Amino acid sequence: MNRKRMSSPINRGLLLAILMLSCKSKAQHTDQKQHNQTKHSHSEHAFADKKAVAKMAENFESAERDSMQHPDKVLQYMGNLKGKKIVDIGAATGYFSVKFAAKGAHVIAADVSDAFQDYLKDRIAKESIKNIELRKIHYDSPLLKDNEADIVFIANTYHHIDNRTDYFSKVKKGLNKNGELVIVDFFKAVFTEKVQAPAMTMRASVDEIVFELKKAGFTSFEVEVNIMPYQYIIKAK
C-alpha cells in the first residue's frame, strides 16, 4: 500500500513534466515554422521587386564585392571548368554564373526569384552569352535531375535554405558519380570592417555545414580558409 501511495505523485509529476516538454516542443516548432515563413515572405517580397533587385545588383556586381570575394581565386581553386555542367544555386545577377560561362562551362543559373531570373535573362542577351540557361527553383528543392551536374555551386546562399539535410540530399542525387558540391560562405566571426554579411545568427560555421552535409549523404570534404579574408570554401562529395 505504501508503495502504491508513493508511486501516484511520482507518476503525476512525471506526466506533468512530459506534458510541459511536449507543449514547449510544439511551441518551438510553431515559432520556427512562423520564423521560416516570415523570412521567406520578406525574401520573396524583396526578390520580386524589380527596383529592389536592380539596387541589389549594384552591390552584387560591385568592385567592393570583388575585393571581398576574390572570384578569380575561387575559380582558380575550382580548377578547369571547360565542358563541365555547373548548377549555380542562388545565382541572382549571375556574378559567378557569367564567370563560369567565360571559362567554358555550361551553366544552369538557378534562383527562387523571378525578378533575378529576368535580370539575368536581360544580361545574357546584352552580353551575348550562349552557355547559360535559367532555372526557377523552389526554396525547398534545387529541382535537379538525377546525375545532372558535375558541380553544384552555392555562394552566400546556404543560410537561406531550411530543412538543409533534405535539400542537400536532393543536391547529392543531382551530382554525377564524380560530381562535387562547392559552398562559399561567411565565417561565423565578428568583422571589424564594413563587410556586407548576413547577421551572425543566420550564418553557419564550417562544422555545422559539414555535419549537415554528412547527414545528407556526403562523405568527403575539403575546406579552404585562406583564399578570401571573410569567407571559406567547402568542397563536398
C-alpha atoms as a PDB file:
ATOM      1  CA  MET A   1       0.000   0.000   0.000  1.00  0.00           C
ATOM      2  CA  ASN A   2       2.807   2.386   0.868  1.00  0.00           C
ATOM      3  CA  ARG A   3       4.457   1.775  -2.486  1.00  0.00           C
ATOM      4  CA  LYS A   4       1.168   2.468  -4.291  1.00  0.00           C
ATOM      5  CA  ARG A   5       0.628   5.727  -2.422  1.00  0.00           C
ATOM      6  CA  MET A   6       4.224   6.821  -3.168  1.00  0.00           C
ATOM      7  CA  SER A   7       4.059   5.962  -6.864  1.00  0.00           C
ATOM      8  CA  SER A   8       0.984   8.054  -7.551  1.00  0.00           C
ATOM      9  CA  PRO A   9       2.540  11.538  -7.005  1.00  0.00           C
ATOM     10  CA  ILE A  10       5.705  10.470  -8.845  1.00  0.00           C
ATOM     11  CA  ASN A  11       3.660   9.364 -11.858  1.00  0.00           C
ATOM     12  CA  ARG A  12       1.588  12.548 -11.779  1.00  0.00           C
ATOM     13  CA  GLY A  13       4.795  14.601 -11.635  1.00  0.00           C
ATOM     14  CA  LEU A  14       6.323  12.665 -14.496  1.00  0.00           C
ATOM     15  CA  LEU A  15       3.165  13.073 -16.584  1.00  0.00           C
ATOM     16  CA  LEU A  16       3.125  16.814 -15.898  1.00  0.00           C
ATOM     17  CA  ALA A  17       6.784  17.111 -16.957  1.00  0.00           C
ATOM     18  CA  ILE A  18       6.123  15.192 -20.173  1.00  0.00           C
ATOM     19  CA  LEU A  19       3.130  17.405 -20.985  1.00  0.00           C
ATOM     20  CA  MET A  20       5.174  20.566 -20.325  1.00  0.00           C
ATOM     21  CA  LEU A  21       8.022  19.358 -22.539  1.00  0.00           C
ATOM     22  CA  SER A  22       5.561  18.404 -25.265  1.00  0.00           C
ATOM     23  CA  CYS A  23       3.916  21.839 -25.174  1.00  0.00           C
ATOM     24  CA  LYS A  24       7.319  23.544 -25.226  1.00  0.00           C
ATOM     25  CA  SER A  25       8.437  21.446 -28.195  1.00  0.00           C
ATOM     26  CA  LYS A  26       5.251  22.238 -30.125  1.00  0.00           C
ATOM     27  CA  ALA A  27       5.610  25.939 -29.329  1.00  0.00           C
ATOM     28  CA  GLN A  28       9.245  25.944 -30.510  1.00  0.00           C
ATOM     29  CA  HIS A  29       8.275  24.104 -33.685  1.00  0.00           C
ATOM     30  CA  THR A  30       5.472  26.615 -34.320  1.00  0.00           C
ATOM     31  CA  ASP A  31       7.791  29.556 -33.644  1.00  0.00           C
ATOM     32  CA  GLN A  32      10.445  28.168 -36.002  1.00  0.00           C
ATOM     33  CA  LYS A  33       7.841  27.489 -38.695  1.00  0.00           C
ATOM     34  CA  GLN A  34       6.482  31.025 -38.348  1.00  0.00           C
ATOM     35  CA  HIS A  35      10.054  32.408 -38.443  1.00  0.00           C
ATOM     36  CA  ASN A  36      10.793  30.489 -41.642  1.00  0.00           C
ATOM     37  CA  GLN A  37       7.529  31.635 -43.232  1.00  0.00           C
ATOM     38  CA  THR A  38       8.232  35.246 -42.268  1.00  0.00           C
ATOM     39  CA  LYS A  39      11.812  35.034 -43.565  1.00  0.00           C
ATOM     40  CA  HIS A  40      10.670  33.616 -46.888  1.00  0.00           C
ATOM     41  CA  SER A  41       7.816  36.104 -47.117  1.00  0.00           C
ATOM     42  CA  HIS A  42      10.233  39.011 -46.680  1.00  0.00           C
ATOM     43  CA  SER A  43      12.723  37.471 -49.131  1.00  0.00           C
ATOM     44  CA  GLU A  44      10.070  36.758 -51.720  1.00  0.00           C
ATOM     45  CA  HIS A  45       8.791  40.337 -51.454  1.00  0.00           C
ATOM     46  CA  ALA A  46      12.274  41.839 -51.817  1.00  0.00           C
ATOM     47  CA  PHE A  47      13.353  39.497 -54.604  1.00  0.00           C
ATOM     48  CA  ALA A  48      10.090  40.089 -56.512  1.00  0.00           C
ATOM     49  CA  ASP A  49      10.580  43.862 -56.614  1.00  0.00           C
ATOM     50  CA  LYS A  50      12.455  44.735 -59.809  1.00  0.00           C
ATOM     51  CA  LYS A  51      13.596  48.096 -58.452  1.00  0.00           C
ATOM     52  CA  ALA A  52      14.935  46.416 -55.319  1.00  0.00           C
ATOM     53  CA  VAL A  53      16.686  43.774 -57.418  1.00  0.00           C
ATOM     54  CA  ALA A  54      18.254  46.469 -59.620  1.00  0.00           C
ATOM     55  CA  LYS A  55      19.522  48.189 -56.480  1.00  0.00           C
ATOM     56  CA  MET A  56      20.890  44.914 -55.088  1.00  0.00           C
ATOM     57  CA  ALA A  57      22.585  44.278 -58.417  1.00  0.00           C
ATOM     58  CA  GLU A  58      24.746  47.345 -57.885  1.00  0.00           C
ATOM     59  CA  ASN A  59      26.154  45.736 -54.746  1.00  0.00           C
ATOM     60  CA  PHE A  60      26.277  42.207 -56.140  1.00  0.00           C
ATOM     61  CA  GLU A  61      28.353  43.304 -59.139  1.00  0.00           C
ATOM     62  CA  SER A  62      30.493  45.902 -57.355  1.00  0.00           C
ATOM     63  CA  ALA A  63      34.248  46.298 -57.008  1.00  0.00           C
ATOM     64  CA  GLU A  64      33.719  46.047 -53.244  1.00  0.00           C
ATOM     65  CA  ARG A  65      32.368  42.543 -53.690  1.00  0.00           C
ATOM     66  CA  ASP A  66      35.341  41.629 -55.872  1.00  0.00           C
ATOM     67  CA  SER A  67      37.745  42.751 -53.153  1.00  0.00           C
ATOM     68  CA  MET A  68      35.855  40.685 -50.584  1.00  0.00           C
ATOM     69  CA  GLN A  69      35.073  37.591 -52.669  1.00  0.00           C
ATOM     70  CA  HIS A  70      38.200  37.260 -54.863  1.00  0.00           C
ATOM     71  CA  PRO A  71      36.308  35.488 -57.682  1.00  0.00           C
ATOM     72  CA  ASP A  72      39.418  34.824 -59.778  1.00  0.00           C
ATOM     73  CA  LYS A  73      40.987  32.935 -56.875  1.00  0.00           C
ATOM     74  CA  VAL A  74      37.770  30.983 -56.327  1.00  0.00           C
ATOM     75  CA  LEU A  75      37.719  29.953 -59.985  1.00  0.00           C
ATOM     76  CA  GLN A  76      41.380  29.014 -59.848  1.00  0.00           C
ATOM     77  CA  TYR A  77      40.692  26.830 -56.816  1.00  0.00           C
ATOM     78  CA  MET A  78      37.858  25.066 -58.669  1.00  0.00           C
ATOM     79  CA  GLY A  79      40.204  24.063 -61.500  1.00  0.00           C
ATOM     80  CA  ASN A  80      39.486  23.540 -65.189  1.00  0.00           C
ATOM     81  CA  LEU A  81      35.783  24.185 -65.803  1.00  0.00           C
ATOM     82  CA  LYS A  82      35.722  23.820 -69.572  1.00  0.00           C
ATOM     83  CA  GLY A  83      32.920  21.495 -70.676  1.00  0.00           C
ATOM     84  CA  LYS A  84      31.619  20.969 -67.145  1.00  0.00           C
ATOM     85  CA  LYS A  85      27.969  21.353 -66.232  1.00  0.00           C
ATOM     86  CA  ILE A  86      27.624  23.704 -63.259  1.00  0.00           C
ATOM     87  CA  VAL A  87      24.409  24.438 -61.410  1.00  0.00           C
ATOM     88  CA  ASP A  88      24.742  27.797 -59.656  1.00  0.00           C
ATOM     89  CA  ILE A  89      22.117  27.815 -56.877  1.00  0.00           C
ATOM     90  CA  GLY A  90      21.189  31.323 -55.808  1.00  0.00           C
ATOM     91  CA  ALA A  91      22.699  32.721 -58.986  1.00  0.00           C
ATOM     92  CA  ALA A  92      20.959  36.105 -58.549  1.00  0.00           C
ATOM     93  CA  THR A  93      22.564  38.569 -61.014  1.00  0.00           C
ATOM     94  CA  GLY A  94      24.901  35.921 -62.400  1.00  0.00           C
ATOM     95  CA  TYR A  95      28.032  37.157 -60.598  1.00  0.00           C
ATOM     96  CA  PHE A  96      29.592  33.684 -60.654  1.00  0.00           C
ATOM     97  CA  SER A  97      27.479  32.165 -63.443  1.00  0.00           C
ATOM     98  CA  VAL A  98      28.868  34.581 -66.042  1.00  0.00           C
ATOM     99  CA  LYS A  99      32.432  33.882 -64.891  1.00  0.00           C
ATOM    100  CA  PHE A 100      31.878  30.116 -65.084  1.00  0.00           C
ATOM    101  CA  ALA A 101      30.493  30.502 -68.613  1.00  0.00           C
ATOM    102  CA  ALA A 102      33.543  32.542 -69.630  1.00  0.00           C
ATOM    103  CA  LYS A 103      35.688  29.578 -68.552  1.00  0.00           C
ATOM    104  CA  GLY A 104      33.802  27.287 -70.941  1.00  0.00           C
ATOM    105  CA  ALA A 105      31.353  25.676 -68.526  1.00  0.00           C
ATOM    106  CA  HIS A 106      27.706  25.007 -69.346  1.00  0.00           C
ATOM    107  CA  VAL A 107      25.890  26.845 -66.571  1.00  0.00           C
ATOM    108  CA  ILE A 108      22.416  26.457 -65.134  1.00  0.00           C
ATOM    109  CA  ALA A 109      21.748  29.699 -63.239  1.00  0.00           C
ATOM    110  CA  ALA A 110      19.145  28.715 -60.651  1.00  0.00           C
ATOM    111  CA  ASP A 111      17.239  31.060 -58.364  1.00  0.00           C
ATOM    112  CA  VAL A 112      13.937  31.329 -56.492  1.00  0.00           C
ATOM    113  CA  SER A 113      13.368  34.892 -57.715  1.00  0.00           C
ATOM    114  CA  ASP A 114      11.583  35.698 -60.968  1.00  0.00           C
ATOM    115  CA  ALA A 115      12.993  39.230 -60.796  1.00  0.00           C
ATOM    116  CA  PHE A 116      16.574  37.975 -60.591  1.00  0.00           C
ATOM    117  CA  GLN A 117      15.900  35.498 -63.384  1.00  0.00           C
ATOM    118  CA  ASP A 118      14.530  38.326 -65.544  1.00  0.00           C
ATOM    119  CA  TYR A 119      17.560  40.481 -64.715  1.00  0.00           C
ATOM    120  CA  LEU A 120      19.940  37.680 -65.697  1.00  0.00           C
ATOM    121  CA  LYS A 121      17.950  36.915 -68.850  1.00  0.00           C
ATOM    122  CA  ASP A 122      18.460  40.523 -69.964  1.00  0.00           C
ATOM    123  CA  ARG A 123      22.137  40.356 -69.040  1.00  0.00           C
ATOM    124  CA  ILE A 124      22.660  37.161 -71.028  1.00  0.00           C
ATOM    125  CA  ALA A 125      21.044  38.790 -74.065  1.00  0.00           C
ATOM    126  CA  LYS A 126      23.025  42.039 -73.759  1.00  0.00           C
ATOM    127  CA  GLU A 127      26.346  40.224 -73.323  1.00  0.00           C
ATOM    128  CA  SER A 128      25.525  37.541 -75.949  1.00  0.00           C
ATOM    129  CA  ILE A 129      26.290  34.677 -73.572  1.00  0.00           C
ATOM    130  CA  LYS A 130      25.447  31.332 -75.145  1.00  0.00           C
ATOM    131  CA  ASN A 131      26.203  28.803 -72.425  1.00  0.00           C
ATOM    132  CA  ILE A 132      23.961  29.892 -69.543  1.00  0.00           C
ATOM    133  CA  GLU A 133      20.409  28.640 -69.112  1.00  0.00           C
ATOM    134  CA  LEU A 134      17.985  29.819 -66.440  1.00  0.00           C
ATOM    135  CA  ARG A 135      16.100  27.667 -63.962  1.00  0.00           C
ATOM    136  CA  LYS A 136      13.482  28.883 -61.496  1.00  0.00           C
ATOM    137  CA  ILE A 137      13.740  26.721 -58.368  1.00  0.00           C
ATOM    138  CA  HIS A 138      11.907  26.403 -55.045  1.00  0.00           C
ATOM    139  CA  TYR A 139      13.051  27.219 -51.514  1.00  0.00           C
ATOM    140  CA  ASP A 140      12.713  23.537 -50.591  1.00  0.00           C
ATOM    141  CA  SER A 141      14.169  21.938 -53.726  1.00  0.00           C
ATOM    142  CA  PRO A 142      17.049  22.546 -56.183  1.00  0.00           C
ATOM    143  CA  LEU A 143      14.964  20.811 -58.890  1.00  0.00           C
ATOM    144  CA  LEU A 144      17.931  18.787 -60.099  1.00  0.00           C
ATOM    145  CA  LYS A 145      17.637  15.723 -62.280  1.00  0.00           C
ATOM    146  CA  ASP A 146      19.498  12.638 -61.075  1.00  0.00           C
ATOM    147  CA  ASN A 147      23.199  12.713 -62.036  1.00  0.00           C
ATOM    148  CA  GLU A 148      22.686  16.019 -63.850  1.00  0.00           C
ATOM    149  CA  ALA A 149      25.631  18.132 -62.688  1.00  0.00           C
ATOM    150  CA  ASP A 150      29.400  17.964 -62.484  1.00  0.00           C
ATOM    151  CA  ILE A 151      29.374  20.790 -59.923  1.00  0.00           C
ATOM    152  CA  VAL A 152      26.670  22.318 -57.770  1.00  0.00           C
ATOM    153  CA  PHE A 153      27.859  25.733 -56.616  1.00  0.00           C
ATOM    154  CA  ILE A 154      26.272  27.838 -53.883  1.00  0.00           C
ATOM    155  CA  ALA A 155      27.696  31.166 -52.736  1.00  0.00           C
ATOM    156  CA  ASN A 156      26.327  33.379 -49.941  1.00  0.00           C
ATOM    157  CA  THR A 157      23.053  31.441 -50.023  1.00  0.00           C
ATOM    158  CA  TYR A 158      23.387  28.488 -47.653  1.00  0.00           C
ATOM    159  CA  HIS A 159      21.756  30.379 -44.773  1.00  0.00           C
ATOM    160  CA  HIS A 160      18.577  30.976 -46.825  1.00  0.00           C
ATOM    161  CA  ILE A 161      17.860  27.233 -47.034  1.00  0.00           C
ATOM    162  CA  ASP A 162      15.648  25.439 -44.499  1.00  0.00           C
ATOM    163  CA  ASN A 163      15.484  21.654 -43.964  1.00  0.00           C
ATOM    164  CA  ARG A 164      19.047  21.506 -45.250  1.00  0.00           C
ATOM    165  CA  THR A 165      19.539  17.777 -44.758  1.00  0.00           C
ATOM    166  CA  ASP A 166      16.609  17.064 -47.061  1.00  0.00           C
ATOM    167  CA  TYR A 167      17.610  19.817 -49.509  1.00  0.00           C
ATOM    168  CA  PHE A 168      21.204  18.690 -49.872  1.00  0.00           C
ATOM    169  CA  SER A 169      20.265  15.025 -50.126  1.00  0.00           C
ATOM    170  CA  LYS A 170      18.478  16.142 -53.312  1.00  0.00           C
ATOM    171  CA  VAL A 171      21.623  18.007 -54.362  1.00  0.00           C
ATOM    172  CA  LYS A 172      23.629  14.810 -53.774  1.00  0.00           C
ATOM    173  CA  LYS A 173      21.321  12.872 -56.103  1.00  0.00           C
ATOM    174  CA  GLY A 174      21.717  15.603 -58.724  1.00  0.00           C
ATOM    175  CA  LEU A 175      25.502  15.202 -58.851  1.00  0.00           C
ATOM    176  CA  ASN A 176      27.057  12.656 -61.186  1.00  0.00           C
ATOM    177  CA  LYS A 177      29.424   9.946 -59.956  1.00  0.00           C
ATOM    178  CA  ASN A 178      32.433  12.243 -59.668  1.00  0.00           C
ATOM    179  CA  GLY A 179      30.443  15.410 -59.040  1.00  0.00           C
ATOM    180  CA  GLU A 180      31.069  17.835 -56.214  1.00  0.00           C
ATOM    181  CA  LEU A 181      29.260  20.452 -54.192  1.00  0.00           C
ATOM    182  CA  VAL A 182      31.102  23.741 -53.660  1.00  0.00           C
ATOM    183  CA  ILE A 183      29.885  26.103 -50.925  1.00  0.00           C
ATOM    184  CA  VAL A 184      31.220  29.621 -50.394  1.00  0.00           C
ATOM    185  CA  ASP A 185      30.031  31.456 -47.301  1.00  0.00           C
ATOM    186  CA  PHE A 186      30.985  33.742 -44.441  1.00  0.00           C
ATOM    187  CA  PHE A 187      32.946  32.808 -41.350  1.00  0.00           C
ATOM    188  CA  LYS A 188      30.877  32.846 -38.188  1.00  0.00           C
ATOM    189  CA  ALA A 189      33.013  35.622 -36.759  1.00  0.00           C
ATOM    190  CA  VAL A 190      32.784  39.297 -35.900  1.00  0.00           C
ATOM    191  CA  PHE A 191      34.200  41.525 -38.650  1.00  0.00           C
ATOM    192  CA  THR A 192      35.603  44.909 -37.723  1.00  0.00           C
ATOM    193  CA  GLU A 193      35.431  46.187 -41.305  1.00  0.00           C
ATOM    194  CA  LYS A 194      32.199  47.127 -43.083  1.00  0.00           C
ATOM    195  CA  VAL A 195      31.509  43.728 -44.612  1.00  0.00           C
ATOM    196  CA  GLN A 196      28.101  43.054 -46.131  1.00  0.00           C
ATOM    197  CA  ALA A 197      27.480  39.733 -44.421  1.00  0.00           C
ATOM    198  CA  PRO A 198      24.264  38.185 -43.102  1.00  0.00           C
ATOM    199  CA  ALA A 199      23.508  38.523 -39.406  1.00  0.00           C
ATOM    200  CA  MET A 200      25.640  36.337 -37.154  1.00  0.00           C
ATOM    201  CA  THR A 201      22.584  34.327 -36.084  1.00  0.00           C
ATOM    202  CA  MET A 202      21.910  33.396 -39.728  1.00  0.00           C
ATOM    203  CA  ARG A 203      25.419  32.218 -40.574  1.00  0.00           C
ATOM    204  CA  ALA A 204      26.547  28.592 -40.431  1.00  0.00           C
ATOM    205  CA  SER A 205      30.012  27.552 -39.294  1.00  0.00           C
ATOM    206  CA  VAL A 206      32.179  25.101 -41.210  1.00  0.00           C
ATOM    207  CA  ASP A 207      31.489  22.454 -38.565  1.00  0.00           C
ATOM    208  CA  GLU A 208      27.734  22.951 -38.831  1.00  0.00           C
ATOM    209  CA  ILE A 209      27.763  22.662 -42.613  1.00  0.00           C
ATOM    210  CA  VAL A 210      29.948  19.555 -42.639  1.00  0.00           C
ATOM    211  CA  PHE A 211      27.697  17.944 -40.013  1.00  0.00           C
ATOM    212  CA  GLU A 212      24.563  18.725 -42.035  1.00  0.00           C
ATOM    213  CA  LEU A 213      26.093  17.534 -45.301  1.00  0.00           C
ATOM    214  CA  LYS A 214      27.150  14.262 -43.699  1.00  0.00           C
ATOM    215  CA  LYS A 215      23.518  13.656 -42.777  1.00  0.00           C
ATOM    216  CA  ALA A 216      22.610  14.452 -46.393  1.00  0.00           C
ATOM    217  CA  GLY A 217      24.907  11.684 -47.678  1.00  0.00           C
ATOM    218  CA  PHE A 218      28.191  13.459 -48.430  1.00  0.00           C
ATOM    219  CA  THR A 219      31.271  11.581 -47.237  1.00  0.00           C
ATOM    220  CA  SER A 220      34.333  13.506 -48.451  1.00  0.00           C
ATOM    221  CA  PHE A 221      35.177  17.092 -47.529  1.00  0.00           C
ATOM    222  CA  GLU A 222      37.827  19.669 -48.358  1.00  0.00           C
ATOM    223  CA  VAL A 223      37.899  23.022 -46.560  1.00  0.00           C
ATOM    224  CA  GLU A 224      39.790  26.094 -47.788  1.00  0.00           C
ATOM    225  CA  VAL A 225      40.085  29.124 -45.486  1.00  0.00           C
ATOM    226  CA  ASN A 226      42.985  31.116 -46.966  1.00  0.00           C
ATOM    227  CA  ILE A 227      41.656  32.335 -50.323  1.00  0.00           C
ATOM    228  CA  MET A 228      39.247  35.001 -49.047  1.00  0.00           C
ATOM    229  CA  PRO A 229      39.531  37.243 -45.993  1.00  0.00           C
ATOM    230  CA  TYR A 230      35.958  36.773 -44.741  1.00  0.00           C
ATOM    231  CA  GLN A 231      34.820  33.512 -46.285  1.00  0.00           C
ATOM    232  CA  TYR A 232      35.567  29.817 -46.515  1.00  0.00           C
ATOM    233  CA  ILE A 233      35.077  27.258 -49.262  1.00  0.00           C
ATOM    234  CA  ILE A 234      33.761  23.764 -48.587  1.00  0.00           C
ATOM    235  CA  LYS A 235      34.069  21.158 -51.323  1.00  0.00           C
ATOM    236  CA  ALA A 236      31.982  18.025 -50.663  1.00  0.00           C
ATOM    237  CA  LYS A 237      31.486  14.748 -52.494  1.00  0.00           C
END
